[in-house]
C-alpha atoms as a PDB file:
ATOM      1  CA  MET A   1     106.041  91.555 100.919  1.00  0.00           C
ATOM      2  CA  SER A   2     109.101  90.275  99.172  1.00  0.00           C
ATOM      3  CA  LEU A   3     111.481  92.098  96.877  1.00  0.00           C
ATOM      4  CA  LEU A   4     111.096  91.590  93.158  1.00  0.00           C
ATOM      5  CA  SER A   5     113.820  90.052  91.037  1.00  0.00           C
ATOM      6  CA  ASP A   6     115.457  92.063  88.239  1.00  0.00           C
ATOM      7  CA  GLN A   7     113.532  89.936  85.760  1.00  0.00           C
ATOM      8  CA  GLN A   8     110.203  90.642  87.436  1.00  0.00           C
ATOM      9  CA  ILE A   9     110.981  94.357  87.561  1.00  0.00           C
ATOM     10  CA  GLU A  10     111.733  94.482  83.855  1.00  0.00           C
ATOM     11  CA  GLN A  11     108.573  92.572  83.038  1.00  0.00           C
ATOM     12  CA  LEU A  12     106.371  94.864  85.204  1.00  0.00           C
ATOM     13  CA  LEU A  13     108.031  98.038  83.839  1.00  0.00           C
ATOM     14  CA  ARG A  14     107.055  96.941  80.336  1.00  0.00           C
ATOM     15  CA  GLN A  15     103.412  96.980  81.467  1.00  0.00           C
ATOM     16  CA  LEU A  16     103.659 100.657  82.537  1.00  0.00           C
ATOM     17  CA  GLN A  17     104.028 103.668  80.314  1.00  0.00           C
ATOM     18  CA  ASP A  18     106.748 106.244  80.949  1.00  0.00           C
ATOM     19  CA  TRP A  19     107.994 104.736  84.277  1.00  0.00           C
ATOM     20  CA  VAL A  20     111.720 104.267  84.586  1.00  0.00           C
ATOM     21  CA  LEU A  21     113.929 102.304  86.926  1.00  0.00           C
ATOM     22  CA  ASP A  22     115.825 104.710  89.242  1.00  0.00           C
ATOM     23  CA  GLY A  23     118.131 102.696  91.468  1.00  0.00           C
ATOM     24  CA  LYS A  24     115.874 100.731  93.850  1.00  0.00           C
ATOM     25  CA  ALA A  25     112.777 102.725  92.827  1.00  0.00           C
ATOM     26  CA  ILE A  26     110.590 103.520  89.859  1.00  0.00           C
ATOM     27  CA  ARG A  27     109.927 107.105  88.776  1.00  0.00           C
ATOM     28  CA  ARG A  28     107.644 108.966  86.490  1.00  0.00           C
ATOM     29  CA  GLN A  29     107.041 112.671  85.780  1.00  0.00           C
ATOM     30  CA  TYR A  30     103.588 113.918  84.810  1.00  0.00           C
ATOM     31  CA  THR A  31     102.961 117.255  83.212  1.00  0.00           C
ATOM     32  CA  PHE A  32      99.642 119.073  83.560  1.00  0.00           C
ATOM     33  CA  HIS A  33      98.264 122.219  81.900  1.00  0.00           C
ATOM     34  CA  ASP A  34      98.698 124.289  85.095  1.00  0.00           C
ATOM     35  CA  PHE A  35      99.475 124.188  88.825  1.00  0.00           C
ATOM     36  CA  PRO A  36      95.891 123.618  90.038  1.00  0.00           C
ATOM     37  CA  ALA A  37      95.627 120.549  87.731  1.00  0.00           C
ATOM     38  CA  ALA A  38      98.919 119.203  89.132  1.00  0.00           C
ATOM     39  CA  ILE A  39      97.626 119.617  92.722  1.00  0.00           C
ATOM     40  CA  ALA A  40      94.270 118.094  91.783  1.00  0.00           C
ATOM     41  CA  PHE A  41      96.162 114.976  90.532  1.00  0.00           C
ATOM     42  CA  VAL A  42      98.071 114.668  93.785  1.00  0.00           C
ATOM     43  CA  ASN A  43      94.837 115.007  95.753  1.00  0.00           C
ATOM     44  CA  ARG A  44      93.296 112.147  93.697  1.00  0.00           C
ATOM     45  CA  LEU A  45      96.193 109.874  94.773  1.00  0.00           C
ATOM     46  CA  VAL A  46      95.540 110.320  98.493  1.00  0.00           C
ATOM     47  CA  PRO A  47      92.586 108.008  99.179  1.00  0.00           C
ATOM     48  CA  ASP A  48      94.105 104.998  97.327  1.00  0.00           C
ATOM     49  CA  ALA A  49      97.586 105.581  98.780  1.00  0.00           C
ATOM     50  CA  GLU A  50      96.090 105.759 102.282  1.00  0.00           C
ATOM     51  CA  ALA A  51      93.976 102.648 101.664  1.00  0.00           C
ATOM     52  CA  ALA A  52      97.014 100.704 100.479  1.00  0.00           C
ATOM     53  CA  ASP A  53      99.184 102.178 103.241  1.00  0.00           C
ATOM     54  CA  HIS A  54     101.794 102.767 100.543  1.00  0.00           C
ATOM     55  CA  HIS A  55     102.757 106.291  99.516  1.00  0.00           C
ATOM     56  CA  PRO A  56     104.983 107.676  96.799  1.00  0.00           C
ATOM     57  CA  ASP A  57     107.627 110.300  97.228  1.00  0.00           C
ATOM     58  CA  ILE A  58     106.159 113.351  95.508  1.00  0.00           C
ATOM     59  CA  ALA A  59     107.869 116.420  94.004  1.00  0.00           C
ATOM     60  CA  ILE A  60     105.693 119.223  92.647  1.00  0.00           C
ATOM     61  CA  ASN A  61     107.337 121.744  90.350  1.00  0.00           C
ATOM     62  CA  TYR A  62     104.647 124.159  89.078  1.00  0.00           C
ATOM     63  CA  ARG A  63     102.709 121.945  86.565  1.00  0.00           C
ATOM     64  CA  ARG A  64     105.002 118.925  86.782  1.00  0.00           C
ATOM     65  CA  VAL A  65     104.535 116.149  89.394  1.00  0.00           C
ATOM     66  CA  THR A  66     107.184 113.512  89.861  1.00  0.00           C
ATOM     67  CA  LEU A  67     106.311 110.324  91.697  1.00  0.00           C
ATOM     68  CA  VAL A  68     108.895 107.844  93.022  1.00  0.00           C
ATOM     69  CA  TYR A  69     107.820 104.471  94.390  1.00  0.00           C
ATOM     70  CA  SER A  70     109.983 102.119  96.454  1.00  0.00           C
ATOM     71  CA  THR A  71     109.092  99.895  99.429  1.00  0.00           C
ATOM     72  CA  HIS A  72     111.415 101.448 101.977  1.00  0.00           C
ATOM     73  CA  SER A  73     110.690  98.822 104.586  1.00  0.00           C
ATOM     74  CA  GLU A  74     111.921  96.105 102.205  1.00  0.00           C
ATOM     75  CA  GLY A  75     114.840  98.110 100.708  1.00  0.00           C
ATOM     76  CA  GLY A  76     113.707  98.048  97.132  1.00  0.00           C
ATOM     77  CA  LEU A  77     110.864  97.265  94.742  1.00  0.00           C
ATOM     78  CA  THR A  78     107.850  95.127  95.561  1.00  0.00           C
ATOM     79  CA  GLN A  79     104.503  94.529  93.871  1.00  0.00           C
ATOM     80  CA  LYS A  80     103.053  97.338  95.970  1.00  0.00           C
ATOM     81  CA  ASP A  81     105.199  99.852  94.035  1.00  0.00           C
ATOM     82  CA  PHE A  82     103.896  98.681  90.648  1.00  0.00           C
ATOM     83  CA  ASP A  83     100.364  98.630  91.966  1.00  0.00           C
ATOM     84  CA  GLY A  84     100.822 102.209  93.121  1.00  0.00           C
ATOM     85  CA  ALA A  85     102.303 103.225  89.766  1.00  0.00           C
ATOM     86  CA  ALA A  86      99.333 101.758  87.874  1.00  0.00           C
ATOM     87  CA  MET A  87      96.909 103.463  90.235  1.00  0.00           C
ATOM     88  CA  ALA A  88      98.723 106.803  89.637  1.00  0.00           C
ATOM     89  CA  ASP A  89      98.460 106.366  85.857  1.00  0.00           C
ATOM     90  CA  ARG A  90      94.712 105.812  86.213  1.00  0.00           C
ATOM     91  CA  LYS A  91      94.347 108.912  88.347  1.00  0.00           C
ATOM     92  CA  ALA A  92      96.388 110.984  85.844  1.00  0.00           C
ATOM     93  CA  ALA A  93      93.922 110.049  83.124  1.00  0.00           C
ATOM     94  CA  ILE A  94      91.060 111.656  85.004  1.00  0.00           C
ATOM     95  CA  LYS A  95      90.349 115.190  83.871  1.00  0.00           C
END
């Protein structure tokens, strides 16, 4: 998988809500009503992340979950990162 150009990254970021460029990665923080809801969200990510063999860095702080996507093997952002971000947004919408 090839690295995305700056122009491609900007275009793909405009298609996502609340994701920001963070160096050679994209990052978003989600806030849930409590800790169990935050953990349930992370658990919903697992099957798709495993199927794609592409996993975000995850930080859990009580009811906040921060995801960071970057394709480490490529040294930056690829389409896989934006696909993962879109998947995470869909999983966050599930109650």
